[in-house]
Amino acid sequence: MMTTRVVTTSPDDPVADAAAAMVSQRTGSALIMQGRLLAGILTERDVLRAAASGTDLTNSPVSAWMTKDPEQASPDTTVEDALQIMLLNGFRHLPVLEAREVRGVVSLRDLAASRITRHSAT
């Protein structure tokens, strides 16, 4: 139920470029990569905060606004556990990693859709 088509960017890329990629891919987050390692996540909320600050988003690096070392799930994480992690921490996107390698991102929308599908199938 996770999204495997993930927007990635580097910590030094401008927020405007990351936001444009998120809009283009119709996703609410971008994973910030340092080489093959996950360094952070930039979400639509972070972009909104950056825009509201009056900062020039074409020059402001993603690293200034991203959440560093975000909570993460594994492919084996249950829907309930992913929901609990997200709700307890107040975020809507959760990177999914396996052996430190990014496999995708799960969003609250993905989890809600899986619950609806599961309930309508029973």
PDB file of N, CA and C in Angstrom:
ATOM      1  N   MET A   1       0.806  -1.192   0.000  1.00  0.00           N
ATOM      2  CA  MET A   1       0.000   0.000   0.000  1.00  0.00           C
ATOM      3  C   MET A   1       0.849   1.256   0.000  1.00  0.00           C
ATOM      4  N   MET A   2       2.169   1.113   0.089  1.00  0.00           N
ATOM      5  CA  MET A   2       3.039   2.282   0.024  1.00  0.00           C
ATOM      6  C   MET A   2       3.210   2.719  -1.428  1.00  0.00           C
ATOM      7  N   THR A   3       3.601   3.955  -1.589  1.00  0.00           N
ATOM      8  CA  THR A   3       3.915   4.498  -2.904  1.00  0.00           C
ATOM      9  C   THR A   3       5.386   4.229  -3.175  1.00  0.00           C
ATOM     10  N   THR A   4       5.674   3.587  -4.294  1.00  0.00           N
ATOM     11  CA  THR A   4       7.072   3.291  -4.616  1.00  0.00           C
ATOM     12  C   THR A   4       7.672   4.333  -5.556  1.00  0.00           C
ATOM     13  N   ARG A   5       6.823   5.136  -6.177  1.00  0.00           N
ATOM     14  CA  ARG A   5       7.310   6.230  -7.022  1.00  0.00           C
ATOM     15  C   ARG A   5       7.543   7.427  -6.101  1.00  0.00           C
ATOM     16  N   VAL A   6       8.803   7.629  -5.718  1.00  0.00           N
ATOM     17  CA  VAL A   6       9.150   8.588  -4.682  1.00  0.00           C
ATOM     18  C   VAL A   6       9.955   9.740  -5.279  1.00  0.00           C
ATOM     19  N   VAL A   7       9.652  10.950  -4.839  1.00  0.00           N
ATOM     20  CA  VAL A   7      10.456  12.109  -5.215  1.00  0.00           C
ATOM     21  C   VAL A   7      11.655  12.152  -4.284  1.00  0.00           C
ATOM     22  N   THR A   8      12.842  12.272  -4.857  1.00  0.00           N
ATOM     23  CA  THR A   8      14.058  12.391  -4.043  1.00  0.00           C
ATOM     24  C   THR A   8      14.799  13.660  -4.446  1.00  0.00           C
ATOM     25  N   THR A   9      15.540  14.186  -3.505  1.00  0.00           N
ATOM     26  CA  THR A   9      16.339  15.380  -3.735  1.00  0.00           C
ATOM     27  C   THR A   9      17.510  15.354  -2.765  1.00  0.00           C
ATOM     28  N   SER A  10      18.432  16.273  -2.930  1.00  0.00           N
ATOM     29  CA  SER A  10      19.569  16.340  -2.009  1.00  0.00           C
ATOM     30  C   SER A  10      19.366  17.497  -1.034  1.00  0.00           C
ATOM     31  N   PRO A  11      20.075  17.487   0.079  1.00  0.00           N
ATOM     32  CA  PRO A  11      19.907  18.541   1.083  1.00  0.00           C
ATOM     33  C   PRO A  11      20.220  19.943   0.563  1.00  0.00           C
ATOM     34  N   ASP A  12      21.066  20.046  -0.452  1.00  0.00           N
ATOM     35  CA  ASP A  12      21.481  21.352  -0.970  1.00  0.00           C
ATOM     36  C   ASP A  12      20.567  21.899  -2.055  1.00  0.00           C
ATOM     37  N   ASP A  13      19.644  21.086  -2.566  1.00  0.00           N
ATOM     38  CA  ASP A  13      18.739  21.562  -3.609  1.00  0.00           C
ATOM     39  C   ASP A  13      17.784  22.611  -3.042  1.00  0.00           C
ATOM     40  N   PRO A  14      17.385  23.568  -3.873  1.00  0.00           N
ATOM     41  CA  PRO A  14      16.454  24.596  -3.396  1.00  0.00           C
ATOM     42  C   PRO A  14      15.064  24.018  -3.098  1.00  0.00           C
ATOM     43  N   VAL A  15      14.407  24.581  -2.109  1.00  0.00           N
ATOM     44  CA  VAL A  15      13.054  24.167  -1.750  1.00  0.00           C
ATOM     45  C   VAL A  15      12.134  24.291  -2.968  1.00  0.00           C
ATOM     46  N   ALA A  16      12.292  25.337  -3.754  1.00  0.00           N
ATOM     47  CA  ALA A  16      11.431  25.529  -4.929  1.00  0.00           C
ATOM     48  C   ALA A  16      11.530  24.351  -5.896  1.00  0.00           C
ATOM     49  N   ASP A  17      12.728  23.826  -6.103  1.00  0.00           N
ATOM     50  CA  ASP A  17      12.899  22.683  -7.006  1.00  0.00           C
ATOM     51  C   ASP A  17      12.239  21.437  -6.447  1.00  0.00           C
ATOM     52  N   ALA A  18      12.408  21.208  -5.155  1.00  0.00           N
ATOM     53  CA  ALA A  18      11.778  20.045  -4.519  1.00  0.00           C
ATOM     54  C   ALA A  18      10.259  20.163  -4.588  1.00  0.00           C
ATOM     55  N   ALA A  19       9.736  21.361  -4.315  1.00  0.00           N
ATOM     56  CA  ALA A  19       8.284  21.575  -4.371  1.00  0.00           C
ATOM     57  C   ALA A  19       7.757  21.351  -5.785  1.00  0.00           C
ATOM     58  N   ALA A  20       8.482  21.818  -6.787  1.00  0.00           N
ATOM     59  CA  ALA A  20       8.065  21.622  -8.178  1.00  0.00           C
ATOM     60  C   ALA A  20       8.028  20.133  -8.528  1.00  0.00           C
ATOM     61  N   ALA A  21       9.005  19.380  -8.054  1.00  0.00           N
ATOM     62  CA  ALA A  21       9.020  17.932  -8.301  1.00  0.00           C
ATOM     63  C   ALA A  21       7.852  17.247  -7.602  1.00  0.00           C
ATOM     64  N   MET A  22       7.528  17.698  -6.383  1.00  0.00           N
ATOM     65  CA  MET A  22       6.400  17.127  -5.656  1.00  0.00           C
ATOM     66  C   MET A  22       5.088  17.390  -6.406  1.00  0.00           C
ATOM     67  N   VAL A  23       4.919  18.601  -6.914  1.00  0.00           N
ATOM     68  CA  VAL A  23       3.714  18.939  -7.671  1.00  0.00           C
ATOM     69  C   VAL A  23       3.657  18.112  -8.949  1.00  0.00           C
ATOM     70  N   SER A  24       4.773  18.024  -9.633  1.00  0.00           N
ATOM     71  CA  SER A  24       4.836  17.260 -10.883  1.00  0.00           C
ATOM     72  C   SER A  24       4.465  15.792 -10.686  1.00  0.00           C
ATOM     73  N   GLN A  25       4.930  15.207  -9.595  1.00  0.00           N
ATOM     74  CA  GLN A  25       4.667  13.787  -9.321  1.00  0.00           C
ATOM     75  C   GLN A  25       3.387  13.570  -8.506  1.00  0.00           C
ATOM     76  N   ARG A  26       2.713  14.675  -8.159  1.00  0.00           N
ATOM     77  CA  ARG A  26       1.462  14.618  -7.395  1.00  0.00           C
ATOM     78  C   ARG A  26       1.632  13.853  -6.084  1.00  0.00           C
ATOM     79  N   THR A  27       2.668  14.268  -5.334  1.00  0.00           N
ATOM     80  CA  THR A  27       2.942  13.649  -4.042  1.00  0.00           C
ATOM     81  C   THR A  27       3.164  14.737  -2.991  1.00  0.00           C
ATOM     82  N   GLY A  28       2.936  14.401  -1.744  1.00  0.00           N
ATOM     83  CA  GLY A  28       3.027  15.372  -0.668  1.00  0.00           C
ATOM     84  C   GLY A  28       4.348  15.394   0.065  1.00  0.00           C
ATOM     85  N   SER A  29       5.345  14.648  -0.450  1.00  0.00           N
ATOM     86  CA  SER A  29       6.630  14.636   0.242  1.00  0.00           C
ATOM     87  C   SER A  29       7.761  14.323  -0.727  1.00  0.00           C
ATOM     88  N   ALA A  30       8.959  14.695  -0.304  1.00  0.00           N
ATOM     89  CA  ALA A  30      10.185  14.350  -1.029  1.00  0.00           C
ATOM     90  C   ALA A  30      11.167  13.796  -0.011  1.00  0.00           C
ATOM     91  N   LEU A  31      11.821  12.718  -0.374  1.00  0.00           N
ATOM     92  CA  LEU A  31      12.848  12.148   0.502  1.00  0.00           C
ATOM     93  C   LEU A  31      14.180  12.809   0.181  1.00  0.00           C
ATOM     94  N   ILE A  32      14.886  13.193   1.219  1.00  0.00           N
ATOM     95  CA  ILE A  32      16.162  13.879   1.073  1.00  0.00           C
ATOM     96  C   ILE A  32      17.272  12.841   1.258  1.00  0.00           C
ATOM     97  N   MET A  33      18.038  12.665   0.208  1.00  0.00           N
ATOM     98  CA  MET A  33      19.043  11.608   0.187  1.00  0.00           C
ATOM     99  C   MET A  33      20.453  12.188   0.221  1.00  0.00           C
ATOM    100  N   GLN A  34      21.307  11.544   1.003  1.00  0.00           N
ATOM    101  CA  GLN A  34      22.748  11.800   0.985  1.00  0.00           C
ATOM    102  C   GLN A  34      23.355  10.542   0.427  1.00  0.00           C
ATOM    103  N   GLY A  35      23.637  10.565  -0.847  1.00  0.00           N
ATOM    104  CA  GLY A  35      24.056   9.336  -1.509  1.00  0.00           C
ATOM    105  C   GLY A  35      22.895   8.361  -1.488  1.00  0.00           C
ATOM    106  N   ARG A  36      23.112   7.181  -0.924  1.00  0.00           N
ATOM    107  CA  ARG A  36      22.051   6.168  -0.844  1.00  0.00           C
ATOM    108  C   ARG A  36      21.330   6.167   0.513  1.00  0.00           C
ATOM    109  N   LEU A  37      21.742   7.088   1.412  1.00  0.00           N
ATOM    110  CA  LEU A  37      21.157   7.120   2.750  1.00  0.00           C
ATOM    111  C   LEU A  37      20.091   8.193   2.876  1.00  0.00           C
ATOM    112  N   LEU A  38      19.028   7.872   3.605  1.00  0.00           N
ATOM    113  CA  LEU A  38      17.955   8.818   3.871  1.00  0.00           C
ATOM    114  C   LEU A  38      18.426   9.827   4.919  1.00  0.00           C
ATOM    115  N   ALA A  39      18.439  11.100   4.542  1.00  0.00           N
ATOM    116  CA  ALA A  39      18.860  12.160   5.461  1.00  0.00           C
ATOM    117  C   ALA A  39      17.666  12.878   6.076  1.00  0.00           C
ATOM    118  N   GLY A  40      16.544  12.900   5.350  1.00  0.00           N
ATOM    119  CA  GLY A  40      15.392  13.624   5.855  1.00  0.00           C
ATOM    120  C   GLY A  40      14.200  13.498   4.929  1.00  0.00           C
ATOM    121  N   ILE A  41      13.142  14.225   5.289  1.00  0.00           N
ATOM    122  CA  ILE A  41      11.933  14.272   4.475  1.00  0.00           C
ATOM    123  C   ILE A  41      11.450  15.715   4.451  1.00  0.00           C
ATOM    124  N   LEU A  42      11.003  16.145   3.294  1.00  0.00           N
ATOM    125  CA  LEU A  42      10.400  17.459   3.113  1.00  0.00           C
ATOM    126  C   LEU A  42       8.953  17.223   2.723  1.00  0.00           C
ATOM    127  N   THR A  43       8.043  17.803   3.464  1.00  0.00           N
ATOM    128  CA  THR A  43       6.623  17.601   3.189  1.00  0.00           C
ATOM    129  C   THR A  43       5.984  18.912   2.744  1.00  0.00           C
ATOM    130  N   GLU A  44       4.742  18.795   2.275  1.00  0.00           N
ATOM    131  CA  GLU A  44       4.011  19.988   1.864  1.00  0.00           C
ATOM    132  C   GLU A  44       3.889  20.974   3.025  1.00  0.00           C
ATOM    133  N   ARG A  45       3.776  20.493   4.236  1.00  0.00           N
ATOM    134  CA  ARG A  45       3.739  21.385   5.407  1.00  0.00           C
ATOM    135  C   ARG A  45       5.049  22.158   5.540  1.00  0.00           C
ATOM    136  N   ASP A  46       6.185  21.482   5.315  1.00  0.00           N
ATOM    137  CA  ASP A  46       7.487  22.152   5.395  1.00  0.00           C
ATOM    138  C   ASP A  46       7.606  23.233   4.323  1.00  0.00           C
ATOM    139  N   VAL A  47       7.139  22.925   3.122  1.00  0.00           N
ATOM    140  CA  VAL A  47       7.181  23.905   2.024  1.00  0.00           C
ATOM    141  C   VAL A  47       6.309  25.110   2.383  1.00  0.00           C
ATOM    142  N   LEU A  48       5.147  24.865   2.961  1.00  0.00           N
ATOM    143  CA  LEU A  48       4.255  25.945   3.371  1.00  0.00           C
ATOM    144  C   LEU A  48       4.911  26.816   4.446  1.00  0.00           C
ATOM    145  N   ARG A  49       5.570  26.180   5.424  1.00  0.00           N
ATOM    146  CA  ARG A  49       6.292  26.928   6.460  1.00  0.00           C
ATOM    147  C   ARG A  49       7.384  27.801   5.841  1.00  0.00           C
ATOM    148  N   ALA A  50       8.123  27.220   4.897  1.00  0.00           N
ATOM    149  CA  ALA A  50       9.203  27.958   4.238  1.00  0.00           C
ATOM    150  C   ALA A  50       8.631  29.147   3.464  1.00  0.00           C
ATOM    151  N   ALA A  51       7.543  28.934   2.747  1.00  0.00           N
ATOM    152  CA  ALA A  51       6.927  30.019   1.975  1.00  0.00           C
ATOM    153  C   ALA A  51       6.416  31.122   2.895  1.00  0.00           C
ATOM    154  N   ALA A  52       5.812  30.740   4.009  1.00  0.00           N
ATOM    155  CA  ALA A  52       5.265  31.720   4.950  1.00  0.00           C
ATOM    156  C   ALA A  52       6.358  32.540   5.634  1.00  0.00           C
ATOM    157  N   SER A  53       7.566  32.015   5.663  1.00  0.00           N
ATOM    158  CA  SER A  53       8.672  32.718   6.323  1.00  0.00           C
ATOM    159  C   SER A  53       9.175  33.900   5.499  1.00  0.00           C
ATOM    160  N   GLY A  54       8.788  33.949   4.233  1.00  0.00           N
ATOM    161  CA  GLY A  54       9.260  35.019   3.365  1.00  0.00           C
ATOM    162  C   GLY A  54      10.611  34.731   2.732  1.00  0.00           C
ATOM    163  N   THR A  55      11.142  33.559   3.005  1.00  0.00           N
ATOM    164  CA  THR A  55      12.427  33.155   2.443  1.00  0.00           C
ATOM    165  C   THR A  55      12.305  32.957   0.935  1.00  0.00           C
ATOM    166  N   ASP A  56      13.363  33.288   0.203  1.00  0.00           N
ATOM    167  CA  ASP A  56      13.401  33.043  -1.242  1.00  0.00           C
ATOM    168  C   ASP A  56      13.603  31.548  -1.449  1.00  0.00           C
ATOM    169  N   LEU A  57      12.548  30.861  -1.860  1.00  0.00           N
ATOM    170  CA  LEU A  57      12.598  29.406  -1.975  1.00  0.00           C
ATOM    171  C   LEU A  57      13.474  28.916  -3.120  1.00  0.00           C
ATOM    172  N   THR A  58      13.854  29.810  -4.023  1.00  0.00           N
ATOM    173  CA  THR A  58      14.764  29.409  -5.097  1.00  0.00           C
ATOM    174  C   THR A  58      16.207  29.352  -4.606  1.00  0.00           C
ATOM    175  N   ASN A  59      16.462  29.968  -3.436  1.00  0.00           N
ATOM    176  CA  ASN A  59      17.821  29.966  -2.870  1.00  0.00           C
ATOM    177  C   ASN A  59      17.921  29.245  -1.538  1.00  0.00           C
ATOM    178  N   SER A  60      16.786  28.952  -0.919  1.00  0.00           N
ATOM    179  CA  SER A  60      16.791  28.302   0.394  1.00  0.00           C
ATOM    180  C   SER A  60      16.954  26.791   0.226  1.00  0.00           C
ATOM    181  N   PRO A  61      17.968  26.201   0.871  1.00  0.00           N
ATOM    182  CA  PRO A  61      18.184  24.759   0.703  1.00  0.00           C
ATOM    183  C   PRO A  61      17.140  23.931   1.454  1.00  0.00           C
ATOM    184  N   VAL A  62      16.844  22.801   0.896  1.00  0.00           N
ATOM    185  CA  VAL A  62      15.918  21.840   1.507  1.00  0.00           C
ATOM    186  C   VAL A  62      16.340  21.527   2.943  1.00  0.00           C
ATOM    187  N   SER A  63      17.641  21.450   3.187  1.00  0.00           N
ATOM    188  CA  SER A  63      18.144  21.080   4.519  1.00  0.00           C
ATOM    189  C   SER A  63      17.691  22.046   5.609  1.00  0.00           C
ATOM    190  N   ALA A  64      17.360  23.280   5.249  1.00  0.00           N
ATOM    191  CA  ALA A  64      16.914  24.259   6.243  1.00  0.00           C
ATOM    192  C   ALA A  64      15.486  24.006   6.699  1.00  0.00           C
ATOM    193  N   TRP A  65      14.716  23.217   5.945  1.00  0.00           N
ATOM    194  CA  TRP A  65      13.289  23.031   6.226  1.00  0.00           C
ATOM    195  C   TRP A  65      12.882  21.579   6.423  1.00  0.00           C
ATOM    196  N   MET A  66      13.728  20.649   6.068  1.00  0.00           N
ATOM    197  CA  MET A  66      13.368  19.224   6.147  1.00  0.00           C
ATOM    198  C   MET A  66      13.343  18.728   7.584  1.00  0.00           C
ATOM    199  N   THR A  67      12.681  17.611   7.783  1.00  0.00           N
ATOM    200  CA  THR A  67      12.756  16.884   9.047  1.00  0.00           C
ATOM    201  C   THR A  67      13.931  15.923   8.913  1.00  0.00           C
ATOM    202  N   LYS A  68      14.926  16.114   9.769  1.00  0.00           N
ATOM    203  CA  LYS A  68      16.112  15.252   9.710  1.00  0.00           C
ATOM    204  C   LYS A  68      15.818  13.896  10.344  1.00  0.00           C
ATOM    205  N   ASP A  69      16.440  12.860   9.815  1.00  0.00           N
ATOM    206  CA  ASP A  69      16.321  11.502  10.351  1.00  0.00           C
ATOM    207  C   ASP A  69      14.880  11.159  10.743  1.00  0.00           C
ATOM    208  N   PRO A  70      13.986  11.143   9.766  1.00  0.00           N
ATOM    209  CA  PRO A  70      12.576  10.927  10.096  1.00  0.00           C
ATOM    210  C   PRO A  70      12.296   9.513  10.605  1.00  0.00           C
ATOM    211  N   GLU A  71      11.209   9.407  11.363  1.00  0.00           N
ATOM    212  CA  GLU A  71      10.717   8.080  11.737  1.00  0.00           C
ATOM    213  C   GLU A  71      10.517   7.308  10.447  1.00  0.00           C
ATOM    214  N   GLN A  72      10.583   5.999  10.542  1.00  0.00           N
ATOM    215  CA  GLN A  72      10.428   5.183   9.342  1.00  0.00           C
ATOM    216  C   GLN A  72       9.748   3.867   9.660  1.00  0.00           C
ATOM    217  N   ALA A  73       9.258   3.248   8.611  1.00  0.00           N
ATOM    218  CA  ALA A  73       8.620   1.940   8.716  1.00  0.00           C
ATOM    219  C   ALA A  73       9.424   0.962   7.875  1.00  0.00           C
ATOM    220  N   SER A  74       9.094  -0.306   8.032  1.00  0.00           N
ATOM    221  CA  SER A  74       9.673  -1.342   7.177  1.00  0.00           C
ATOM    222  C   SER A  74       8.534  -1.925   6.339  1.00  0.00           C
ATOM    223  N   PRO A  75       8.857  -2.695   5.321  1.00  0.00           N
ATOM    224  CA  PRO A  75       7.790  -3.325   4.541  1.00  0.00           C
ATOM    225  C   PRO A  75       6.889  -4.228   5.388  1.00  0.00           C
ATOM    226  N   ASP A  76       7.382  -4.685   6.541  1.00  0.00           N
ATOM    227  CA  ASP A  76       6.604  -5.562   7.418  1.00  0.00           C
ATOM    228  C   ASP A  76       5.741  -4.810   8.432  1.00  0.00           C
ATOM    229  N   THR A  77       5.863  -3.490   8.486  1.00  0.00           N
ATOM    230  CA  THR A  77       5.080  -2.696   9.440  1.00  0.00           C
ATOM    231  C   THR A  77       3.599  -2.829   9.101  1.00  0.00           C
ATOM    232  N   THR A  78       2.788  -3.117  10.105  1.00  0.00           N
ATOM    233  CA  THR A  78       1.348  -3.264   9.879  1.00  0.00           C
ATOM    234  C   THR A  78       0.701  -1.897   9.670  1.00  0.00           C
ATOM    235  N   VAL A  79      -0.485  -1.904   9.084  1.00  0.00           N
ATOM    236  CA  VAL A  79      -1.247  -0.675   8.893  1.00  0.00           C
ATOM    237  C   VAL A  79      -1.468   0.002  10.239  1.00  0.00           C
ATOM    238  N   GLU A  80      -1.843  -0.774  11.236  1.00  0.00           N
ATOM    239  CA  GLU A  80      -2.109  -0.222  12.566  1.00  0.00           C
ATOM    240  C   GLU A  80      -0.867   0.418  13.169  1.00  0.00           C
ATOM    241  N   ASP A  81       0.287  -0.240  13.044  1.00  0.00           N
ATOM    242  CA  ASP A  81       1.528   0.312  13.591  1.00  0.00           C
ATOM    243  C   ASP A  81       1.941   1.587  12.852  1.00  0.00           C
ATOM    244  N   ALA A  82       1.799   1.589  11.532  1.00  0.00           N
ATOM    245  CA  ALA A  82       2.132   2.786  10.751  1.00  0.00           C
ATOM    246  C   ALA A  82       1.218   3.946  11.142  1.00  0.00           C
ATOM    247  N   LEU A  83      -0.069   3.668  11.287  1.00  0.00           N
ATOM    248  CA  LEU A  83      -1.016   4.695  11.722  1.00  0.00           C
ATOM    249  C   LEU A  83      -0.645   5.241  13.092  1.00  0.00           C
ATOM    250  N   GLN A  84      -0.288   4.358  14.002  1.00  0.00           N
ATOM    251  CA  GLN A  84       0.073   4.781  15.353  1.00  0.00           C
ATOM    252  C   GLN A  84       1.304   5.681  15.328  1.00  0.00           C
ATOM    253  N   ILE A  85       2.323   5.301  14.578  1.00  0.00           N
ATOM    254  CA  ILE A  85       3.542   6.111  14.465  1.00  0.00           C
ATOM    255  C   ILE A  85       3.189   7.502  13.934  1.00  0.00           C
ATOM    256  N   MET A  86       2.389   7.535  12.888  1.00  0.00           N
ATOM    257  CA  MET A  86       2.055   8.805  12.254  1.00  0.00           C
ATOM    258  C   MET A  86       1.180   9.682  13.156  1.00  0.00           C
ATOM    259  N   LEU A  87       0.174   9.095  13.761  1.00  0.00           N
ATOM    260  CA  LEU A  87      -0.734   9.879  14.601  1.00  0.00           C
ATOM    261  C   LEU A  87      -0.061  10.370  15.884  1.00  0.00           C
ATOM    262  N   LEU A  88       0.749   9.522  16.500  1.00  0.00           N
ATOM    263  CA  LEU A  88       1.427   9.929  17.731  1.00  0.00           C
ATOM    264  C   LEU A  88       2.451  11.044  17.494  1.00  0.00           C
ATOM    265  N   ASN A  89       3.016  11.070  16.294  1.00  0.00           N
ATOM    266  CA  ASN A  89       4.046  12.058  15.988  1.00  0.00           C
ATOM    267  C   ASN A  89       3.536  13.235  15.159  1.00  0.00           C
ATOM    268  N   GLY A  90       2.285  13.164  14.732  1.00  0.00           N
ATOM    269  CA  GLY A  90       1.681  14.284  14.024  1.00  0.00           C
ATOM    270  C   GLY A  90       2.167  14.503  12.609  1.00  0.00           C
ATOM    271  N   PHE A  91       2.489  13.423  11.911  1.00  0.00           N
ATOM    272  CA  PHE A  91       2.847  13.599  10.507  1.00  0.00           C
ATOM    273  C   PHE A  91       2.053  12.682   9.609  1.00  0.00           C
ATOM    274  N   ARG A  92       2.106  12.994   8.296  1.00  0.00           N
ATOM    275  CA  ARG A  92       1.247  12.311   7.325  1.00  0.00           C
ATOM    276  C   ARG A  92       2.003  11.465   6.319  1.00  0.00           C
ATOM    277  N   HIS A  93       3.323  11.453   6.403  1.00  0.00           N
ATOM    278  CA  HIS A  93       4.141  10.676   5.462  1.00  0.00           C
ATOM    279  C   HIS A  93       5.208   9.914   6.240  1.00  0.00           C
ATOM    280  N   LEU A  94       5.392   8.665   5.880  1.00  0.00           N
ATOM    281  CA  LEU A  94       6.324   7.800   6.593  1.00  0.00           C
ATOM    282  C   LEU A  94       7.182   7.050   5.574  1.00  0.00           C
ATOM    283  N   PRO A  95       8.494   7.329   5.549  1.00  0.00           N
ATOM    284  CA  PRO A  95       9.373   6.586   4.640  1.00  0.00           C
ATOM    285  C   PRO A  95       9.399   5.097   5.017  1.00  0.00           C
ATOM    286  N   VAL A  96       9.477   4.258   4.015  1.00  0.00           N
ATOM    287  CA  VAL A  96       9.568   2.812   4.222  1.00  0.00           C
ATOM    288  C   VAL A  96      10.958   2.373   3.764  1.00  0.00           C
ATOM    289  N   LEU A  97      11.714   1.813   4.724  1.00  0.00           N
ATOM    290  CA  LEU A  97      13.073   1.362   4.434  1.00  0.00           C
ATOM    291  C   LEU A  97      13.224  -0.105   4.780  1.00  0.00           C
ATOM    292  N   GLU A  98      14.079  -0.753   4.012  1.00  0.00           N
ATOM    293  CA  GLU A  98      14.446  -2.147   4.280  1.00  0.00           C
ATOM    294  C   GLU A  98      15.958  -2.224   4.182  1.00  0.00           C
ATOM    295  N   ALA A  99      16.590  -2.614   5.285  1.00  0.00           N
ATOM    296  CA  ALA A  99      18.054  -2.685   5.348  1.00  0.00           C
ATOM    297  C   ALA A  99      18.677  -1.355   4.908  1.00  0.00           C
ATOM    298  N   ARG A 100      18.134  -0.248   5.429  1.00  0.00           N
ATOM    299  CA  ARG A 100      18.612   1.113   5.161  1.00  0.00           C
ATOM    300  C   ARG A 100      18.388   1.580   3.737  1.00  0.00           C
ATOM    301  N   GLU A 101      17.687   0.796   2.924  1.00  0.00           N
ATOM    302  CA  GLU A 101      17.409   1.182   1.544  1.00  0.00           C
ATOM    303  C   GLU A 101      15.945   1.606   1.413  1.00  0.00           C
ATOM    304  N   VAL A 102      15.725   2.754   0.794  1.00  0.00           N
ATOM    305  CA  VAL A 102      14.377   3.273   0.620  1.00  0.00           C
ATOM    306  C   VAL A 102      13.580   2.378  -0.321  1.00  0.00           C
ATOM    307  N   ARG A 103      12.397   1.978   0.147  1.00  0.00           N
ATOM    308  CA  ARG A 103      11.473   1.167  -0.657  1.00  0.00           C
ATOM    309  C   ARG A 103      10.257   1.957  -1.107  1.00  0.00           C
ATOM    310  N   GLY A 104       9.942   3.042  -0.368  1.00  0.00           N
ATOM    311  CA  GLY A 104       8.796   3.853  -0.726  1.00  0.00           C
ATOM    312  C   GLY A 104       8.402   4.775   0.407  1.00  0.00           C
ATOM    313  N   VAL A 105       7.204   5.332   0.286  1.00  0.00           N
ATOM    314  CA  VAL A 105       6.627   6.208   1.304  1.00  0.00           C
ATOM    315  C   VAL A 105       5.176   5.800   1.470  1.00  0.00           C
ATOM    316  N   VAL A 106       4.722   5.754   2.710  1.00  0.00           N
ATOM    317  CA  VAL A 106       3.309   5.503   2.981  1.00  0.00           C
ATOM    318  C   VAL A 106       2.733   6.785   3.568  1.00  0.00           C
ATOM    319  N   SER A 107       1.543   7.137   3.101  1.00  0.00           N
ATOM    320  CA  SER A 107       0.889   8.355   3.593  1.00  0.00           C
ATOM    321  C   SER A 107      -0.388   7.990   4.340  1.00  0.00           C
ATOM    322  N   LEU A 108      -0.900   8.958   5.082  1.00  0.00           N
ATOM    323  CA  LEU A 108      -2.182   8.728   5.762  1.00  0.00           C
ATOM    324  C   LEU A 108      -3.260   8.391   4.733  1.00  0.00           C
ATOM    325  N   ARG A 109      -3.204   9.013   3.573  1.00  0.00           N
ATOM    326  CA  ARG A 109      -4.172   8.723   2.510  1.00  0.00           C
ATOM    327  C   ARG A 109      -4.065   7.255   2.079  1.00  0.00           C
ATOM    328  N   ASP A 110      -2.832   6.751   1.924  1.00  0.00           N
ATOM    329  CA  ASP A 110      -2.640   5.331   1.563  1.00  0.00           C
ATOM    330  C   ASP A 110      -3.260   4.426   2.615  1.00  0.00           C
ATOM    331  N   LEU A 111      -3.003   4.749   3.887  1.00  0.00           N
ATOM    332  CA  LEU A 111      -3.511   3.913   4.977  1.00  0.00           C
ATOM    333  C   LEU A 111      -5.034   3.970   5.062  1.00  0.00           C
ATOM    334  N   ALA A 112      -5.600   5.157   4.878  1.00  0.00           N
ATOM    335  CA  ALA A 112      -7.062   5.289   4.895  1.00  0.00           C
ATOM    336  C   ALA A 112      -7.673   4.502   3.744  1.00  0.00           C
ATOM    337  N   ALA A 113      -7.070   4.588   2.566  1.00  0.00           N
ATOM    338  CA  ALA A 113      -7.580   3.854   1.406  1.00  0.00           C
ATOM    339  C   ALA A 113      -7.524   2.350   1.644  1.00  0.00           C
ATOM    340  N   SER A 114      -6.468   1.878   2.298  1.00  0.00           N
ATOM    341  CA  SER A 114      -6.366   0.438   2.560  1.00  0.00           C
ATOM    342  C   SER A 114      -7.429  -0.002   3.545  1.00  0.00           C
ATOM    343  N   ARG A 115      -7.738   0.839   4.523  1.00  0.00           N
ATOM    344  CA  ARG A 115      -8.778   0.512   5.502  1.00  0.00           C
ATOM    345  C   ARG A 115     -10.155   0.466   4.835  1.00  0.00           C
ATOM    346  N   ILE A 116     -10.416   1.418   3.953  1.00  0.00           N
ATOM    347  CA  ILE A 116     -11.705   1.463   3.254  1.00  0.00           C
ATOM    348  C   ILE A 116     -11.848   0.240   2.356  1.00  0.00           C
ATOM    349  N   THR A 117     -10.790  -0.075   1.623  1.00  0.00           N
ATOM    350  CA  THR A 117     -10.806  -1.239   0.734  1.00  0.00           C
ATOM    351  C   THR A 117     -11.010  -2.503   1.525  1.00  0.00           C
ATOM    352  N   ARG A 118     -10.309  -2.639   2.653  1.00  0.00           N
ATOM    353  CA  ARG A 118     -10.415  -3.817   3.489  1.00  0.00           C
ATOM    354  C   ARG A 118     -11.830  -3.977   4.054  1.00  0.00           C
ATOM    355  N   HIS A 119     -12.441  -2.873   4.505  1.00  0.00           N
ATOM    356  CA  HIS A 119     -13.782  -2.938   5.082  1.00  0.00           C
ATOM    357  C   HIS A 119     -14.847  -3.213   4.032  1.00  0.00           C
ATOM    358  N   SER A 120     -14.666  -2.673   2.819  1.00  0.00           N
ATOM    359  CA  SER A 120     -15.673  -2.919   1.788  1.00  0.00           C
ATOM    360  C   SER A 120     -15.578  -4.344   1.231  1.00  0.00           C
ATOM    361  N   ALA A 121     -14.420  -4.981   1.392  1.00  0.00           N
ATOM    362  CA  ALA A 121     -14.245  -6.357   0.905  1.00  0.00           C
ATOM    363  C   ALA A 121     -14.853  -7.376   1.865  1.00  0.00           C
ATOM    364  N   THR A 122     -15.110  -6.969   3.116  1.00  0.00           N
ATOM    365  CA  THR A 122     -15.668  -7.919   4.086  1.00  0.00           C
ATOM    366  C   THR A 122     -17.161  -7.836   4.171  1.00  0.00           C
TER     367      THR A 122
END
